[in-house]
Protein backbone atom coordinates (compact mmCIF):
# COMPACT_ATOMS: atom_id res chain seq x y z
CA MET A 1 101.55 134.01 148.08
CA ASP A 2 102.72 135.11 151.57
CA GLN A 3 105.19 137.84 152.30
CA GLU A 4 108.27 135.64 152.59
CA ALA A 5 107.43 133.85 149.40
CA ASN A 6 106.93 137.18 147.63
CA GLU A 7 110.33 138.33 148.93
CA GLY A 8 111.78 135.17 147.35
CA ALA A 9 110.07 135.89 144.00
CA SER A 10 110.72 139.66 143.89
CA GLY A 11 113.95 139.84 145.74
CA GLU A 12 112.81 142.57 148.19
CA GLY A 13 114.61 142.26 151.47
CA LEU A 14 117.32 139.94 150.07
CA PRO A 15 120.79 140.95 148.84
CA ARG A 16 120.90 140.58 145.01
CA ARG A 17 123.56 140.88 142.39
CA ALA A 18 123.15 141.50 138.65
CA VAL A 19 123.41 138.11 136.97
CA GLU A 20 121.85 136.35 134.10
CA MET A 21 119.59 133.58 135.41
CA ASP A 22 121.24 130.91 133.13
CA ASP A 23 124.73 132.01 134.36
CA ALA A 24 124.55 130.29 137.74
CA TYR A 25 121.34 129.07 139.20
CA LEU A 26 123.15 127.98 142.32
CA GLU A 27 126.60 129.32 143.05
CA LEU A 28 129.04 128.71 145.89
CA ARG A 29 131.93 131.18 146.12
CA ASN A 30 134.95 130.27 148.10
CA VAL A 31 132.89 128.56 150.85
CA TYR A 32 134.47 127.39 154.08
CA ARG A 33 132.97 125.45 156.88
CA VAL A 34 135.30 124.93 159.88
CA PHE A 35 134.70 122.60 162.73
CA GLY A 36 137.37 123.41 165.30
CA GLY A 37 140.55 123.00 163.20
CA LEU A 38 138.87 120.75 160.57
CA HIS A 39 137.92 122.31 157.19
CA ALA A 40 134.78 120.29 156.15
CA THR A 41 134.65 122.54 153.09
CA ASP A 42 137.84 124.37 152.03
CA ASP A 43 137.56 127.28 149.60
CA LEU A 44 134.80 125.42 147.78
CA SER A 45 133.42 127.04 144.61
CA LEU A 46 130.90 125.40 142.25
CA ASN A 47 128.04 126.35 139.84
CA ILE A 48 124.88 124.53 139.06
CA ARG A 49 122.75 125.56 136.10
CA LYS A 50 119.00 125.54 136.01
CA GLY A 51 117.58 122.21 134.97
CA GLU A 52 120.76 120.25 135.49
CA LEU A 53 121.01 116.83 137.06
CA VAL A 54 124.39 116.84 138.84
CA SER A 55 125.98 114.28 141.20
CA VAL A 56 128.61 114.82 143.84
CA ILE A 57 130.94 112.01 144.62
CA GLY A 58 134.04 111.52 146.73
CA PRO A 59 135.55 109.31 149.44
CA ASN A 60 134.14 109.22 152.94
CA GLY A 61 134.82 112.48 154.79
CA ALA A 62 135.09 114.53 151.65
CA GLY A 63 132.59 117.12 152.83
CA LYS A 64 129.62 116.01 150.60
CA THR A 65 126.88 116.03 153.18
CA THR A 66 128.24 119.22 154.62
CA LEU A 67 127.85 120.82 151.27
CA LEU A 68 124.13 119.98 151.27
CA ASN A 69 123.75 121.18 154.81
CA LEU A 70 125.37 124.57 153.95
CA ILE A 71 123.17 125.06 150.84
CA SER A 72 119.92 124.20 152.70
CA GLY A 73 120.89 126.32 155.77
CA VAL A 74 121.09 123.39 158.13
CA LEU A 75 124.63 124.55 158.91
CA PRO A 76 125.97 128.14 158.63
CA ILE A 77 129.05 128.77 156.51
CA SER A 78 132.25 130.01 158.22
CA ARG A 79 133.32 132.19 155.24
CA GLY A 80 132.34 132.67 151.61
CA GLN A 81 128.92 133.20 149.80
CA ILE A 82 126.13 131.07 148.50
CA TRP A 83 123.77 132.52 145.87
CA PHE A 84 120.50 131.02 144.51
CA LYS A 85 118.64 132.57 141.56
CA GLY A 86 120.67 135.68 142.01
CA HIS A 87 119.99 136.03 145.78
CA ARG A 88 122.56 135.56 148.43
CA ILE A 89 121.16 132.84 150.82
CA ASP A 90 124.00 131.97 153.22
CA THR A 91 122.70 134.67 155.63
CA LEU A 92 119.18 133.20 155.72
CA PRO A 93 117.68 130.66 158.09
CA ALA A 94 116.77 127.17 156.81
CA HIS A 95 113.02 127.97 156.66
CA ARG A 96 113.55 131.03 154.44
CA ILE A 97 115.82 129.03 152.10
CA SER A 98 113.05 126.40 151.88
CA ARG A 99 110.51 129.06 150.92
CA LEU A 100 112.87 130.22 148.11
CA GLY A 101 112.55 126.82 146.56
CA ILE A 102 115.32 124.56 147.97
CA ALA A 103 114.47 121.21 149.54
CA ARG A 104 116.49 118.21 150.62
CA SER A 105 116.30 114.62 151.69
CA PHE A 106 118.52 113.15 154.37
CA GLN A 107 120.87 110.17 154.36
CA ASN A 108 119.54 109.07 157.74
CA LEU A 109 116.00 109.57 156.51
CA GLN A 110 114.62 111.48 159.61
CA LEU A 111 111.13 110.28 159.24
CA PHE A 112 108.45 110.67 161.90
CA THR A 113 108.08 107.01 162.71
CA ASN A 114 105.05 107.63 164.99
CA MET A 115 103.12 109.08 162.04
CA SER A 116 101.56 107.53 158.95
CA VAL A 117 103.18 107.78 155.56
CA VAL A 118 100.76 110.45 154.36
CA GLU A 119 101.21 112.52 157.60
CA ASN A 120 104.93 112.58 157.02
CA VAL A 121 104.32 114.15 153.63
CA ILE A 122 101.71 116.54 154.86
CA ILE A 123 104.35 118.09 157.09
CA GLY A 124 106.26 119.03 154.01
CA CYS A 125 103.21 121.07 152.78
CA HIS A 126 103.69 123.65 155.51
CA LYS A 127 104.52 126.54 153.11
CA ARG A 128 101.24 126.11 151.20
CA GLY A 129 99.19 127.13 154.30
CA ARG A 130 97.96 130.66 154.80
CA SER A 131 95.89 130.29 157.92
CA THR A 132 96.77 132.34 161.01
CA LEU A 133 97.25 130.77 164.44
CA PRO A 134 93.82 131.94 165.74
CA GLU A 135 92.21 130.38 162.66
CA VAL A 136 93.97 127.08 163.39
CA MET A 137 92.86 127.15 166.99
CA LEU A 138 89.28 127.79 165.91
CA ARG A 139 89.47 125.35 162.99
CA THR A 140 87.81 127.78 160.62
CA GLY A 141 86.58 126.86 157.16
CA ARG A 142 89.82 128.04 155.62
CA VAL A 143 91.85 125.73 157.98
CA ARG A 144 89.69 122.75 157.08
CA ARG A 145 89.91 123.54 153.36
CA GLU A 146 93.82 123.88 153.61
CA GLN A 147 94.06 120.60 155.50
CA ARG A 148 92.01 118.82 152.79
CA GLU A 149 94.17 120.46 150.05
CA ALA A 150 97.38 119.44 151.84
CA TYR A 151 96.12 115.84 152.10
CA GLU A 152 95.25 115.73 148.40
CA PHE A 153 98.63 117.30 147.45
CA ALA A 154 100.49 114.82 149.69
CA MET A 155 98.63 111.90 148.08
CA GLU A 156 99.72 113.21 144.60
CA LYS A 157 103.31 112.90 145.76
CA LEU A 158 102.74 109.35 147.07
CA VAL A 159 101.13 108.27 143.80
CA PHE A 160 104.11 109.67 141.90
CA LEU A 161 106.51 107.56 144.00
CA GLY A 162 104.26 104.48 144.17
CA LEU A 163 103.46 104.71 147.89
CA GLU A 164 99.77 105.49 147.70
CA LYS A 165 98.72 102.12 148.96
CA LYS A 166 100.90 102.62 152.06
CA ALA A 167 99.58 106.04 152.71
CA HIS A 168 97.91 105.19 156.12
CA VAL A 169 100.43 102.71 157.51
CA ALA A 170 103.14 103.70 160.01
CA SER A 171 106.18 104.95 158.26
CA SER A 172 108.29 102.60 160.48
CA SER A 173 106.75 99.65 158.71
CA LEU A 174 108.13 100.53 155.27
CA SER A 175 110.98 98.82 153.45
CA LEU A 176 114.23 100.69 152.97
CA LYS A 177 113.34 101.61 149.49
CA GLU A 178 109.90 102.91 150.51
CA LYS A 179 111.50 104.93 153.28
CA LYS A 180 113.92 106.46 150.76
CA PHE A 181 111.04 107.30 148.47
CA LEU A 182 109.03 108.81 151.41
CA GLY A 183 111.88 111.06 152.17
CA ILE A 184 111.80 112.35 148.58
CA ALA A 185 108.06 112.67 148.65
CA ARG A 186 108.25 114.87 151.73
CA ALA A 187 110.89 117.07 150.06
CA LEU A 188 108.72 117.31 146.92
CA ALA A 189 105.76 118.49 149.11
CA THR A 190 107.65 121.72 149.62
CA GLN A 191 107.39 122.39 145.85
CA PRO A 192 111.14 122.78 145.34
CA GLU A 193 112.81 124.23 142.33
CA LEU A 194 116.19 122.84 143.52
CA LEU A 195 116.15 119.43 145.15
CA LEU A 196 119.12 118.16 147.14
CA LEU A 197 119.34 114.35 147.64
CA ASP A 198 121.78 112.79 150.12
CA GLU A 199 122.47 109.15 149.03
CA PRO A 200 118.98 108.54 147.60
CA VAL A 201 119.81 104.92 146.75
CA GLY A 202 122.20 103.83 149.50
CA GLY A 203 121.51 100.21 150.42
CA LEU A 204 119.10 99.51 147.50
CA THR A 205 119.29 96.70 144.96
CA VAL A 206 120.36 97.32 141.41
CA GLU A 207 116.71 97.05 140.23
CA GLU A 208 115.59 99.56 142.92
CA ILE A 209 118.42 101.89 141.94
CA HIS A 210 117.12 101.89 138.35
CA GLU A 211 113.65 102.61 139.56
CA ALA A 212 114.79 105.51 141.67
CA GLY A 213 116.96 106.79 138.83
CA ASN A 214 113.92 106.91 136.54
CA LYS A 215 111.95 108.83 139.16
CA ILE A 216 114.80 111.31 139.47
CA LEU A 217 114.69 111.81 135.70
CA GLU A 218 111.00 112.37 135.82
CA MET A 219 111.47 115.05 138.44
CA GLN A 220 114.03 116.73 136.23
CA GLU A 221 111.62 116.60 133.26
CA ARG A 222 109.07 118.32 135.50
CA GLY A 223 111.39 121.31 135.83
CA ILE A 224 113.30 120.51 139.10
CA THR A 225 117.03 121.04 139.23
CA ILE A 226 118.65 118.21 141.07
CA LEU A 227 121.96 117.94 142.98
CA PHE A 228 122.57 114.55 144.63
CA ILE A 229 125.28 112.80 146.63
CA GLU A 230 125.75 109.18 145.97
CA HIS A 231 128.32 106.33 146.52
CA ARG A 232 126.48 103.93 144.18
CA MET A 233 128.15 104.40 140.77
CA GLU A 234 125.17 102.73 139.12
CA LEU A 235 123.21 105.90 139.64
CA VAL A 236 125.94 108.33 139.05
CA MET A 237 127.02 106.64 135.78
CA GLY A 238 123.52 105.98 134.44
CA PHE A 239 121.69 109.22 135.30
CA SER A 240 123.84 112.22 136.14
CA GLU A 241 124.68 114.78 133.43
CA ARG A 242 127.69 116.10 135.27
CA VAL A 243 129.81 114.80 138.11
CA ILE A 244 131.51 116.93 140.76
CA VAL A 245 134.33 115.22 142.75
CA MET A 246 135.21 116.33 146.28
CA ASP A 247 138.02 115.35 148.47
CA PHE A 248 139.08 116.94 151.84
CA GLY A 249 136.36 119.61 151.48
CA GLN A 250 137.59 120.78 148.04
CA LYS A 251 136.33 120.28 144.50
CA ILE A 252 139.11 118.44 142.78
CA ALA A 253 137.46 117.68 139.43
CA GLU A 254 134.23 117.89 137.44
CA GLY A 255 132.89 116.66 134.15
CA THR A 256 131.15 113.63 132.64
CA PHE A 257 131.34 110.35 134.47
CA GLU A 258 133.46 108.92 131.58
CA GLU A 259 135.96 111.79 132.11
CA MET A 260 136.01 111.35 135.89
CA LYS A 261 136.62 107.55 135.86
CA THR A 262 139.92 108.12 134.10
CA ASN A 263 140.99 111.29 135.90
CA ARG A 264 144.25 110.58 137.75
CA GLN A 265 143.38 112.98 140.66
CA VAL A 266 139.96 111.28 141.13
CA ILE A 267 141.56 107.84 141.05
CA ALA A 268 144.08 108.85 143.59
CA ALA A 269 141.38 110.35 145.92
CA TYR A 270 139.46 107.01 145.91
CA LEU A 271 142.52 104.68 146.03
CA GLY A 272 144.75 106.81 148.22
CA GLN A 273 147.52 106.79 145.65
CA ASP A 274 149.95 109.58 144.67
CA THR A 275 149.24 111.12 141.29
CA GLU A 276 152.92 111.47 140.49
């Protein structure tokens, strides 16, 4: 394990608070993200427990994607704190957060369309490598071994998601479902403990949503904590254990799907109606 990964495991070099690990695996404390005068997140606090499968829903512009960007370090917070496994992470760059065990997929996929499917996943294996730059330039035996191991590891992720037969085709040739699954495979290649999924089934058929939901459950069974954003209620209703509802950058409610679908504040947020 390299130095940065050791820091993530031991906590050396990272701010840490005394907390029981099952207290709050991921914790946001009064988090603000301000764009000019717009509060994309506004005093947002939430907790995710280890092993949970949690969905985040809300109308367009509620701040859901911003939430994932803040957790993963894609965007800095304006104020507040984010903690993961007892370590404060909002001060870290995205690559350090990834090494601590957080990975994400993107709503707009962000695939390398000029690369093959397996090459897209191999890119996600970057933190498995230990070779130095001179070794890479000289293509030493360790470099060749790590490249072979990365290929085999990437293929394992493709097999899991049913994409092994497409491994050597251009990613641009995939169907929408296959591209969605490839984005998840690339995130899995980083060996995450916490996986953030941004609309993993947007645009898919009901049958494809069910297939994706079963894969998400399998990932949870393998020990991955999952937080996902989704508009498709088929996935939220059928697979999430807990639902967090956002509106105007704030958490307005949380609970089971059954509780949320009858919550007056949630209904008002979606329908634009007054709760009075």
